[in-house]
Amino acid sequence: MQSHIHNEILKSLDDGIKQLVDSKLNVSGDTNFDKIETDSFGELIDKLVIVHIRYWHLEDAMSDKNISDTELATLRRKSESLFKSKRPMLVNALDKYLVNLISGEEVLIPENLKLYKGWDS
């Protein structure tokens, strides 16, 4: 009896997950993602990390009390460009990649795997 209830709960969870994924894949709204051609999922993550690191460097530079107003304005324009343009573009590309991965249009292939001593293939 307990096993039957357990199986029903698992089936219900499975059905709920399938419905949620289907609803996300069949959105009738805005599905026009920015297209960024990339070789791998890791490249998108790398690019997003680089944007964040650049932003942090710009924040540090803007907090310097010895910079001129002109330099501060230039740094602000650069930081706004990162977070209003480049970052959303990369996040949308990640969204597209994940949607394509879930729908089966994209295949995640591990690259540059390092096998350690004692690892059996």
Protein backbone atom coordinates (compact mmCIF):
# COMPACT_ATOMS: atom_id res chain seq x y z
CA MET A 1 0.00 0.00 0.00
CA GLN A 2 2.78 2.41 0.98
CA SER A 3 4.68 1.62 -2.23
CA HIS A 4 1.56 2.38 -4.29
CA ILE A 5 1.17 5.80 -2.62
CA HIS A 6 4.88 6.47 -3.12
CA ASN A 7 4.58 5.67 -6.85
CA GLU A 8 1.52 7.92 -7.21
CA ILE A 9 3.38 10.82 -5.58
CA LEU A 10 6.37 10.31 -7.88
CA LYS A 11 4.10 10.12 -10.96
CA SER A 12 2.30 13.30 -9.86
CA LEU A 13 5.63 15.12 -9.43
CA ASP A 14 6.86 13.84 -12.77
CA ASP A 15 3.66 15.00 -14.51
CA GLY A 16 3.91 18.41 -12.86
CA ILE A 17 7.52 18.86 -13.99
CA LYS A 18 6.62 17.80 -17.55
CA GLN A 19 3.75 20.31 -17.65
CA LEU A 20 5.98 23.10 -16.36
CA VAL A 21 8.70 22.37 -18.92
CA ASP A 22 6.11 22.13 -21.72
CA SER A 23 4.60 25.46 -20.67
CA LYS A 24 8.04 27.10 -20.77
CA LEU A 25 8.87 25.62 -24.17
CA ASN A 26 5.55 26.59 -25.73
CA VAL A 27 5.43 30.21 -24.60
CA SER A 28 3.40 32.32 -27.00
CA GLY A 29 5.04 35.53 -25.81
CA ASP A 30 8.47 36.87 -26.56
CA THR A 31 10.77 34.04 -27.58
CA ASN A 32 13.06 36.18 -29.70
CA PHE A 33 16.40 35.67 -27.98
CA ASP A 34 19.53 37.50 -28.98
CA LYS A 35 21.66 35.12 -30.98
CA ILE A 36 25.19 34.60 -29.81
CA GLU A 37 27.06 31.91 -31.66
CA THR A 38 29.16 29.92 -29.25
CA ASP A 39 30.93 26.61 -29.16
CA SER A 40 29.79 25.67 -25.68
CA PHE A 41 27.71 26.44 -22.63
CA GLY A 42 30.97 27.17 -20.80
CA GLU A 43 31.82 30.00 -23.20
CA LEU A 44 28.59 31.78 -22.34
CA ILE A 45 29.32 31.42 -18.64
CA ASP A 46 32.88 32.68 -19.22
CA LYS A 47 31.59 35.74 -21.08
CA LEU A 48 29.08 36.51 -18.34
CA VAL A 49 31.76 36.20 -15.65
CA ILE A 50 34.04 38.54 -17.64
CA VAL A 51 31.24 41.12 -17.85
CA HIS A 52 30.81 40.98 -14.07
CA ILE A 53 34.55 41.27 -13.44
CA ARG A 54 34.76 44.29 -15.76
CA TYR A 55 31.83 45.86 -13.95
CA TRP A 56 33.52 45.37 -10.57
CA HIS A 57 36.70 46.98 -11.89
CA LEU A 58 34.67 49.92 -13.19
CA GLU A 59 32.95 50.26 -9.81
CA ASP A 60 36.34 50.34 -8.08
CA ALA A 61 37.60 52.96 -10.54
CA MET A 62 34.47 55.08 -10.03
CA SER A 63 34.96 55.03 -6.26
CA ASP A 64 38.41 56.62 -6.63
CA LYS A 65 38.19 60.11 -5.17
CA ASN A 66 40.95 61.46 -7.45
CA ILE A 67 39.17 61.01 -10.81
CA SER A 68 37.76 63.91 -12.77
CA ASP A 69 34.09 64.37 -13.63
CA THR A 70 34.88 63.56 -17.27
CA GLU A 71 36.57 60.29 -16.32
CA LEU A 72 33.68 59.44 -13.98
CA ALA A 73 31.15 60.04 -16.76
CA THR A 74 33.14 57.80 -19.12
CA LEU A 75 33.30 55.02 -16.52
CA ARG A 76 29.55 55.32 -15.87
CA ARG A 77 28.78 55.01 -19.58
CA LYS A 78 30.95 51.88 -19.78
CA SER A 79 29.29 50.32 -16.73
CA GLU A 80 25.80 51.10 -18.05
CA SER A 81 26.72 49.53 -21.38
CA LEU A 82 27.79 46.35 -19.60
CA PHE A 83 24.68 46.01 -17.48
CA LYS A 84 22.06 47.42 -19.83
CA SER A 85 23.33 45.85 -23.06
CA LYS A 86 25.96 43.13 -22.83
CA ARG A 87 24.77 41.38 -19.66
CA PRO A 88 21.11 41.05 -20.78
CA MET A 89 22.28 39.81 -24.18
CA LEU A 90 24.33 37.06 -22.53
CA VAL A 91 21.54 36.13 -20.12
CA ASN A 92 19.13 35.84 -23.06
CA ALA A 93 21.65 33.68 -24.91
CA LEU A 94 21.91 31.40 -21.85
CA ASP A 95 18.11 31.22 -21.73
CA LYS A 96 18.03 30.25 -25.40
CA TYR A 97 20.75 27.65 -24.90
CA LEU A 98 18.90 26.08 -21.96
CA VAL A 99 15.56 26.07 -23.79
CA ASN A 100 17.23 24.41 -26.77
CA LEU A 101 18.93 21.92 -24.46
CA ILE A 102 15.64 20.99 -22.79
CA SER A 103 13.81 20.73 -26.11
CA GLY A 104 16.53 18.49 -27.55
CA GLU A 105 17.67 20.96 -30.23
CA GLU A 106 21.01 21.32 -28.45
CA VAL A 107 23.19 18.55 -27.06
CA LEU A 108 25.50 19.17 -24.13
CA ILE A 109 28.82 17.51 -24.90
CA PRO A 110 31.49 17.60 -22.19
CA GLU A 111 34.72 19.05 -23.55
CA ASN A 112 38.31 18.72 -22.39
CA LEU A 113 37.58 16.14 -19.73
CA LYS A 114 40.48 15.38 -17.47
CA LEU A 115 40.61 11.79 -16.33
CA TYR A 116 42.41 11.28 -13.06
CA LYS A 117 44.61 8.36 -12.11
CA GLY A 118 42.54 5.38 -11.13
CA TRP A 119 39.53 6.50 -13.16
CA ASP A 120 38.06 3.70 -15.21
CA SER A 121 36.27 4.72 -18.40
